[in-house]
């Protein structure tokens, strides 16, 4: 097990550059004051590591939701779309990577915004709906191709691929709309 001071330094290096100076001073102070307050160094190091991970997740969230600029948001979503396409074309380890990315994305976006506000839950629902409908559309397309190759009838569920595509499009619009509303609400709150 690593020394708690080394873990603090790793957490500081992992923290986004914007937040690094503030949290570095705080965590180093907490480490020095841990013994006086009856707290263990290991607990301070764990808390710092968890906070560093949260700050990185918040950085990704802000980038995808446009707080870092539209170009960064579009680039981030294009990278995610590229990973999704590569996963469906190549399968295997890239498909596993897609699963990890999607799970991380759902977790990150589920913490975005204010959970008590309806736009937050619309955002979460739209991500889950979008992922599910995209997977269904991909399955329906593959089922139709396989049925055509085998000269067999198309499975009944595969005929609803258009509905799945419509659901995917609506989920993308809902995600963008809720993200824009959440960012505007946050900026109004900051201005007050």
C-alpha atoms as a PDB file:
ATOM      1  CA  UNK A   1       0.000   0.000   0.000  1.00  0.00           C
ATOM      2  CA  UNK A   2       1.318   3.432  -0.945  1.00  0.00           C
ATOM      3  CA  UNK A   3       2.317   5.998   1.609  1.00  0.00           C
ATOM      4  CA  UNK A   4      -0.602   8.398   2.326  1.00  0.00           C
ATOM      5  CA  UNK A   5       1.561  11.398   1.408  1.00  0.00           C
ATOM      6  CA  UNK A   6       2.335   9.827  -1.972  1.00  0.00           C
ATOM      7  CA  UNK A   7      -1.378   9.186  -2.497  1.00  0.00           C
ATOM      8  CA  UNK A   8      -2.095  12.856  -1.754  1.00  0.00           C
ATOM      9  CA  UNK A   9       0.505  13.918  -4.323  1.00  0.00           C
ATOM     10  CA  UNK A  10      -0.994  11.544  -6.924  1.00  0.00           C
ATOM     11  CA  UNK A  11      -4.467  12.944  -6.182  1.00  0.00           C
ATOM     12  CA  UNK A  12      -3.092  16.465  -6.672  1.00  0.00           C
ATOM     13  CA  UNK A  13      -1.567  15.509 -10.040  1.00  0.00           C
ATOM     14  CA  UNK A  14      -4.882  13.887 -11.095  1.00  0.00           C
ATOM     15  CA  UNK A  15      -6.911  16.975 -10.135  1.00  0.00           C
ATOM     16  CA  UNK A  16      -7.809  19.240 -13.095  1.00  0.00           C
ATOM     17  CA  UNK A  17      -5.338  22.133 -13.467  1.00  0.00           C
ATOM     18  CA  UNK A  18      -8.047  24.714 -12.733  1.00  0.00           C
ATOM     19  CA  UNK A  19      -8.674  23.259  -9.264  1.00  0.00           C
ATOM     20  CA  UNK A  20      -5.202  21.935  -8.497  1.00  0.00           C
ATOM     21  CA  UNK A  21      -3.748  24.867  -6.560  1.00  0.00           C
ATOM     22  CA  UNK A  22      -6.739  25.228  -4.252  1.00  0.00           C
ATOM     23  CA  UNK A  23      -7.084  21.534  -3.417  1.00  0.00           C
ATOM     24  CA  UNK A  24      -3.323  20.926  -3.160  1.00  0.00           C
ATOM     25  CA  UNK A  25      -3.039  23.458  -0.355  1.00  0.00           C
ATOM     26  CA  UNK A  26      -6.164  22.116   1.349  1.00  0.00           C
ATOM     27  CA  UNK A  27      -5.145  18.442   1.181  1.00  0.00           C
ATOM     28  CA  UNK A  28      -1.584  19.098   2.317  1.00  0.00           C
ATOM     29  CA  UNK A  29      -2.929  21.088   5.242  1.00  0.00           C
ATOM     30  CA  UNK A  30      -5.410  18.323   6.080  1.00  0.00           C
ATOM     31  CA  UNK A  31      -2.606  15.762   5.984  1.00  0.00           C
ATOM     32  CA  UNK A  32      -0.512  17.833   8.373  1.00  0.00           C
ATOM     33  CA  UNK A  33      -3.442  18.445  10.712  1.00  0.00           C
ATOM     34  CA  UNK A  34      -4.738  14.863  10.620  1.00  0.00           C
ATOM     35  CA  UNK A  35      -2.708  13.638  13.598  1.00  0.00           C
ATOM     36  CA  UNK A  36      -3.671  16.646  15.724  1.00  0.00           C
ATOM     37  CA  UNK A  37      -7.363  16.127  14.977  1.00  0.00           C
ATOM     38  CA  UNK A  38      -7.262  12.406  15.696  1.00  0.00           C
ATOM     39  CA  UNK A  39      -7.744  11.510  12.042  1.00  0.00           C
ATOM     40  CA  UNK A  40      -5.741   8.878  10.151  1.00  0.00           C
ATOM     41  CA  UNK A  41      -3.499   9.880   7.225  1.00  0.00           C
ATOM     42  CA  UNK A  42      -5.005   7.077   5.161  1.00  0.00           C
ATOM     43  CA  UNK A  43      -8.512   8.515   5.540  1.00  0.00           C
ATOM     44  CA  UNK A  44      -7.336  11.951   4.407  1.00  0.00           C
ATOM     45  CA  UNK A  45      -5.595  10.382   1.390  1.00  0.00           C
ATOM     46  CA  UNK A  46      -8.727   8.393   0.460  1.00  0.00           C
ATOM     47  CA  UNK A  47     -10.919  11.481   0.709  1.00  0.00           C
ATOM     48  CA  UNK A  48      -8.495  13.441  -1.476  1.00  0.00           C
ATOM     49  CA  UNK A  49      -8.437  10.663  -4.085  1.00  0.00           C
ATOM     50  CA  UNK A  50     -12.243  10.494  -4.183  1.00  0.00           C
ATOM     51  CA  UNK A  51     -12.465  14.265  -4.560  1.00  0.00           C
ATOM     52  CA  UNK A  52      -9.877  14.271  -7.371  1.00  0.00           C
ATOM     53  CA  UNK A  53     -11.913  11.662  -9.255  1.00  0.00           C
ATOM     54  CA  UNK A  54     -15.089  13.729  -8.720  1.00  0.00           C
ATOM     55  CA  UNK A  55     -13.365  16.854 -10.011  1.00  0.00           C
ATOM     56  CA  UNK A  56     -12.204  15.023 -13.164  1.00  0.00           C
ATOM     57  CA  UNK A  57     -15.728  13.684 -13.711  1.00  0.00           C
ATOM     58  CA  UNK A  58     -17.109  17.209 -13.305  1.00  0.00           C
ATOM     59  CA  UNK A  59     -14.568  18.418 -15.870  1.00  0.00           C
ATOM     60  CA  UNK A  60     -15.787  15.815 -18.397  1.00  0.00           C
ATOM     61  CA  UNK A  61     -19.406  16.691 -17.603  1.00  0.00           C
ATOM     62  CA  UNK A  62     -18.790  20.393 -18.169  1.00  0.00           C
ATOM     63  CA  UNK A  63     -16.971  19.720 -21.431  1.00  0.00           C
ATOM     64  CA  UNK A  64     -19.761  17.505 -22.792  1.00  0.00           C
ATOM     65  CA  UNK A  65     -22.476  19.934 -21.725  1.00  0.00           C
ATOM     66  CA  UNK A  66     -20.832  22.912 -23.394  1.00  0.00           C
ATOM     67  CA  UNK A  67     -19.498  24.866 -20.420  1.00  0.00           C
ATOM     68  CA  UNK A  68     -16.011  24.659 -21.942  1.00  0.00           C
ATOM     69  CA  UNK A  69     -17.288  25.917 -25.286  1.00  0.00           C
ATOM     70  CA  UNK A  70     -19.323  24.501 -28.140  1.00  0.00           C
ATOM     71  CA  UNK A  71     -16.277  23.235 -30.046  1.00  0.00           C
ATOM     72  CA  UNK A  72     -15.119  21.163 -27.067  1.00  0.00           C
ATOM     73  CA  UNK A  73     -18.624  19.766 -26.538  1.00  0.00           C
ATOM     74  CA  UNK A  74     -19.052  18.795 -30.186  1.00  0.00           C
ATOM     75  CA  UNK A  75     -15.567  17.253 -30.264  1.00  0.00           C
ATOM     76  CA  UNK A  76     -16.318  15.242 -27.115  1.00  0.00           C
ATOM     77  CA  UNK A  77     -19.593  13.897 -28.492  1.00  0.00           C
ATOM     78  CA  UNK A  78     -17.916  13.083 -31.825  1.00  0.00           C
ATOM     79  CA  UNK A  79     -15.220  11.098 -30.015  1.00  0.00           C
ATOM     80  CA  UNK A  80     -17.936   9.163 -28.167  1.00  0.00           C
ATOM     81  CA  UNK A  81     -19.792   8.534 -31.436  1.00  0.00           C
ATOM     82  CA  UNK A  82     -16.535   7.350 -33.020  1.00  0.00           C
ATOM     83  CA  UNK A  83     -15.938   4.895 -30.180  1.00  0.00           C
ATOM     84  CA  UNK A  84     -19.506   3.621 -30.581  1.00  0.00           C
ATOM     85  CA  UNK A  85     -19.095   3.100 -34.324  1.00  0.00           C
ATOM     86  CA  UNK A  86     -15.734   1.407 -33.873  1.00  0.00           C
ATOM     87  CA  UNK A  87     -17.224  -0.877 -31.213  1.00  0.00           C
ATOM     88  CA  UNK A  88     -20.006  -2.032 -33.493  1.00  0.00           C
ATOM     89  CA  UNK A  89     -17.679  -2.500 -36.459  1.00  0.00           C
ATOM     90  CA  UNK A  90     -14.795  -4.228 -34.678  1.00  0.00           C
ATOM     91  CA  UNK A  91     -16.535  -5.727 -31.620  1.00  0.00           C
ATOM     92  CA  UNK A  92     -14.388  -7.520 -29.043  1.00  0.00           C
ATOM     93  CA  UNK A  93     -12.299  -5.332 -26.775  1.00  0.00           C
ATOM     94  CA  UNK A  94     -13.574  -2.128 -28.421  1.00  0.00           C
ATOM     95  CA  UNK A  95     -17.134  -3.185 -27.527  1.00  0.00           C
ATOM     96  CA  UNK A  96     -16.001  -3.685 -23.932  1.00  0.00           C
ATOM     97  CA  UNK A  97     -14.414  -0.218 -24.023  1.00  0.00           C
ATOM     98  CA  UNK A  98     -17.723   1.181 -25.288  1.00  0.00           C
ATOM     99  CA  UNK A  99     -19.549  -0.442 -22.371  1.00  0.00           C
ATOM    100  CA  UNK A 100     -17.138   1.149 -19.905  1.00  0.00           C
ATOM    101  CA  UNK A 101     -17.415   4.540 -21.627  1.00  0.00           C
ATOM    102  CA  UNK A 102     -21.224   4.386 -21.686  1.00  0.00           C
ATOM    103  CA  UNK A 103     -21.429   3.367 -18.034  1.00  0.00           C
ATOM    104  CA  UNK A 104     -19.024   6.169 -17.094  1.00  0.00           C
ATOM    105  CA  UNK A 105     -21.007   8.648 -19.182  1.00  0.00           C
ATOM    106  CA  UNK A 106     -24.288   7.675 -17.532  1.00  0.00           C
ATOM    107  CA  UNK A 107     -22.708   7.989 -14.078  1.00  0.00           C
ATOM    108  CA  UNK A 108     -21.104  11.342 -14.885  1.00  0.00           C
ATOM    109  CA  UNK A 109     -24.230  12.835 -16.442  1.00  0.00           C
ATOM    110  CA  UNK A 110     -26.463  11.456 -13.694  1.00  0.00           C
ATOM    111  CA  UNK A 111     -24.555  13.704 -11.284  1.00  0.00           C
ATOM    112  CA  UNK A 112     -24.694  16.729 -13.592  1.00  0.00           C
ATOM    113  CA  UNK A 113     -26.762  19.709 -12.630  1.00  0.00           C
ATOM    114  CA  UNK A 114     -29.073  19.862  -9.665  1.00  0.00           C
ATOM    115  CA  UNK A 115     -30.709  16.480  -8.971  1.00  0.00           C
ATOM    116  CA  UNK A 116     -33.827  18.122  -7.583  1.00  0.00           C
ATOM    117  CA  UNK A 117     -34.462  19.949 -10.844  1.00  0.00           C
ATOM    118  CA  UNK A 118     -36.481  18.302 -13.619  1.00  0.00           C
ATOM    119  CA  UNK A 119     -33.869  19.059 -16.311  1.00  0.00           C
ATOM    120  CA  UNK A 120     -31.394  16.844 -14.478  1.00  0.00           C
ATOM    121  CA  UNK A 121     -33.705  13.841 -14.628  1.00  0.00           C
ATOM    122  CA  UNK A 122     -34.648  14.595 -18.244  1.00  0.00           C
ATOM    123  CA  UNK A 123     -30.934  14.554 -19.058  1.00  0.00           C
ATOM    124  CA  UNK A 124     -30.406  11.196 -17.332  1.00  0.00           C
ATOM    125  CA  UNK A 125     -33.512   9.703 -18.956  1.00  0.00           C
ATOM    126  CA  UNK A 126     -32.477  10.937 -22.402  1.00  0.00           C
ATOM    127  CA  UNK A 127     -29.008   9.373 -22.076  1.00  0.00           C
ATOM    128  CA  UNK A 128     -30.461   6.015 -21.003  1.00  0.00           C
ATOM    129  CA  UNK A 129     -33.135   6.160 -23.735  1.00  0.00           C
ATOM    130  CA  UNK A 130     -30.569   7.156 -26.358  1.00  0.00           C
ATOM    131  CA  UNK A 131     -28.211   4.320 -25.481  1.00  0.00           C
ATOM    132  CA  UNK A 132     -31.026   1.771 -25.388  1.00  0.00           C
ATOM    133  CA  UNK A 133     -32.603   2.908 -28.639  1.00  0.00           C
ATOM    134  CA  UNK A 134     -29.231   3.057 -30.428  1.00  0.00           C
ATOM    135  CA  UNK A 135     -28.494  -0.515 -29.343  1.00  0.00           C
ATOM    136  CA  UNK A 136     -31.964  -1.583 -30.546  1.00  0.00           C
ATOM    137  CA  UNK A 137     -31.527   0.129 -33.926  1.00  0.00           C
ATOM    138  CA  UNK A 138     -28.144  -1.543 -34.367  1.00  0.00           C
ATOM    139  CA  UNK A 139     -29.632  -4.947 -33.445  1.00  0.00           C
ATOM    140  CA  UNK A 140     -32.590  -4.430 -35.809  1.00  0.00           C
ATOM    141  CA  UNK A 141     -30.277  -3.557 -38.699  1.00  0.00           C
ATOM    142  CA  UNK A 142     -28.106  -6.607 -38.011  1.00  0.00           C
ATOM    143  CA  UNK A 143     -31.188  -8.859 -37.702  1.00  0.00           C
ATOM    144  CA  UNK A 144     -32.503  -7.641 -41.074  1.00  0.00           C
ATOM    145  CA  UNK A 145     -29.141  -8.235 -42.749  1.00  0.00           C
ATOM    146  CA  UNK A 146     -28.805 -11.699 -41.219  1.00  0.00           C
ATOM    147  CA  UNK A 147     -32.363 -12.606 -42.245  1.00  0.00           C
ATOM    148  CA  UNK A 148     -31.715 -11.438 -45.810  1.00  0.00           C
ATOM    149  CA  UNK A 149     -28.475 -13.437 -45.980  1.00  0.00           C
ATOM    150  CA  UNK A 150     -30.207 -16.591 -44.717  1.00  0.00           C
ATOM    151  CA  UNK A 151     -33.335 -16.050 -46.880  1.00  0.00           C
ATOM    152  CA  UNK A 152     -35.479 -16.107 -43.733  1.00  0.00           C
ATOM    153  CA  UNK A 153     -38.237 -13.776 -42.573  1.00  0.00           C
ATOM    154  CA  UNK A 154     -37.209 -10.713 -40.594  1.00  0.00           C
ATOM    155  CA  UNK A 155     -37.895 -11.001 -36.836  1.00  0.00           C
ATOM    156  CA  UNK A 156     -41.050  -9.099 -35.888  1.00  0.00           C
ATOM    157  CA  UNK A 157     -39.237  -6.838 -33.404  1.00  0.00           C
ATOM    158  CA  UNK A 158     -36.725  -5.793 -36.079  1.00  0.00           C
ATOM    159  CA  UNK A 159     -39.503  -4.103 -38.057  1.00  0.00           C
ATOM    160  CA  UNK A 160     -39.621  -1.403 -35.358  1.00  0.00           C
ATOM    161  CA  UNK A 161     -36.119  -0.145 -36.191  1.00  0.00           C
ATOM    162  CA  UNK A 162     -37.572   3.142 -37.466  1.00  0.00           C
ATOM    163  CA  UNK A 163     -39.334   3.713 -34.150  1.00  0.00           C
ATOM    164  CA  UNK A 164     -36.027   3.055 -32.373  1.00  0.00           C
ATOM    165  CA  UNK A 165     -34.303   5.574 -34.634  1.00  0.00           C
ATOM    166  CA  UNK A 166     -37.012   8.137 -33.882  1.00  0.00           C
ATOM    167  CA  UNK A 167     -36.609   7.480 -30.135  1.00  0.00           C
ATOM    168  CA  UNK A 168     -32.850   7.967 -30.516  1.00  0.00           C
ATOM    169  CA  UNK A 169     -33.319  11.283 -32.306  1.00  0.00           C
ATOM    170  CA  UNK A 170     -35.785  12.523 -29.695  1.00  0.00           C
ATOM    171  CA  UNK A 171     -33.432  11.486 -26.889  1.00  0.00           C
ATOM    172  CA  UNK A 172     -30.597  13.464 -28.490  1.00  0.00           C
ATOM    173  CA  UNK A 173     -32.842  16.535 -28.752  1.00  0.00           C
ATOM    174  CA  UNK A 174     -34.002  16.064 -25.142  1.00  0.00           C
ATOM    175  CA  UNK A 175     -30.385  15.743 -23.959  1.00  0.00           C
ATOM    176  CA  UNK A 176     -29.309  18.878 -25.793  1.00  0.00           C
ATOM    177  CA  UNK A 177     -32.357  20.835 -24.641  1.00  0.00           C
ATOM    178  CA  UNK A 178     -32.027  19.823 -20.997  1.00  0.00           C
ATOM    179  CA  UNK A 179     -28.272  20.490 -21.059  1.00  0.00           C
ATOM    180  CA  UNK A 180     -28.795  23.967 -22.502  1.00  0.00           C
ATOM    181  CA  UNK A 181     -31.487  24.749 -19.925  1.00  0.00           C
ATOM    182  CA  UNK A 182     -29.300  23.434 -17.074  1.00  0.00           C
ATOM    183  CA  UNK A 183     -26.285  25.481 -18.205  1.00  0.00           C
ATOM    184  CA  UNK A 184     -28.417  28.633 -18.522  1.00  0.00           C
ATOM    185  CA  UNK A 185     -29.927  28.057 -15.077  1.00  0.00           C
ATOM    186  CA  UNK A 186     -26.471  27.536 -13.530  1.00  0.00           C
ATOM    187  CA  UNK A 187     -25.143  30.708 -15.180  1.00  0.00           C
ATOM    188  CA  UNK A 188     -28.147  32.703 -13.870  1.00  0.00           C
ATOM    189  CA  UNK A 189     -27.496  31.356 -10.375  1.00  0.00           C
ATOM    190  CA  UNK A 190     -23.788  32.316 -10.577  1.00  0.00           C
ATOM    191  CA  UNK A 191     -24.618  35.851 -11.696  1.00  0.00           C
ATOM    192  CA  UNK A 192     -26.768  36.492  -8.634  1.00  0.00           C
END
